[in-house]
Amino acid sequence: MATKIIIRQYGGPEVLEVGEGEVAAPGPGEIRLRHTAIGLNYIDTYFRTGLYPPPMGLPFTPGLEAAGVVEAVGDGVEGLAVGQRVAYGTGPLGAYATERLIPAEKLIAMPDSIDDATAAAMMLKGMTAQYLLRQTYAVKPGDTILVHAAAGGVGLIAGQWAKHLGATVIGTAGSPEKAALAKAHGYDHVIHYREENIAERVKEITGGRGVPVVYDGVGKDTFEASLDSLQPRGLLVSFGNASGPVAGVNLGILAAKGSLYVTRPTLASYTANRSDLEACANQLIEVITQGAVKIEVNQRFALTDAAQAHTALEGRGTTGCTVLLP
């Protein structure tokens, strides 16, 4: 019998119920996986509130990221064996559980040098950083870039990785403590957005030029500042909605502000086939095993305390990565 978190109606953290259920034998192409650690991500709150309706409807078990051990292998599965350590970060939904069935094609084998908590925390956020920095806009040595929420899970990974690529990295943070954390993880400049004008500071740092790319996982509250921080023909990568979705945009402002580009990418699109998933994950594993990127697991909650974890996440009470422990 597996313990799992169940959402029966959309709402706040209080809708995260603890339940139990049987886990069947794996079918063709499937793995039965025993989780050892589960990643907490802001996208989990979007499914909880209904901003992103789950494909299976209600009720459902949330979570897209975890690490674990293969317990059973279905027919047709190659390259994975019982007892092997694996991790995943692109779903499908259902990670908030002690055990589950999952398509084998979603799993990535983990080297012994990466522990379970790190493996659970790194996949979704780390692969997000990979596609942002290496694919959506390929950061080059000498680039100056802006990353919002620098002390968050994606932000801390992106800062280190961008610095490793030779960029000058500007971040935003909401407190001196978070600013100090960001500076310890690759950021050359951190803008305290509660006290400073983001776009004005970016222009000061860049000698009035602005930046070629802004990575914005915050959404509504930072959209205008992100546009105003860009140089002409710059790219705004809007990859999250932590403050709410961007809505009601007049495309004419992109022309008025310098023929700007805006994209709204997702990790699912960048890892839609197995070869793209493997390439993305392998680059992430490489920079971690090299020591260029360190994964900071700063909070741990019991799986049954998932509601407390969501409250902390939405209240900006977390930094770096958070895991749920079965």
Foldseek 3Di string as FASTA:
>chain_A
DKWAWKAADADALVSTAIDDDDADAEAAQKFKWFFFWAFDDPVQNCCRNVVPPQPVHPIFTAGQKTKTFTCHHYPPDPDHDGGFIWIAHGDDGDRLMRIYMDRPLRIDGDDPVADGHRRRFCHNLVLVLLCVCPPPPPQAAPFEEEEEPLQAANNLQNQLVNVVRHYAYEYEDQDPVSQVSSVVRRHPYYHNVVPDQLQVVLCVVVVNAAGQEYEAAQADVCVVSRLSRHGAQHEYEHAHHLPHHHDDDDVVVCVVSHVYHYDHDHSCVQCVDSVSSVVSVVVSSVCVVVVSGDQDAPEEAASNVVSVVSVCVSVVNDGHIYMHGD
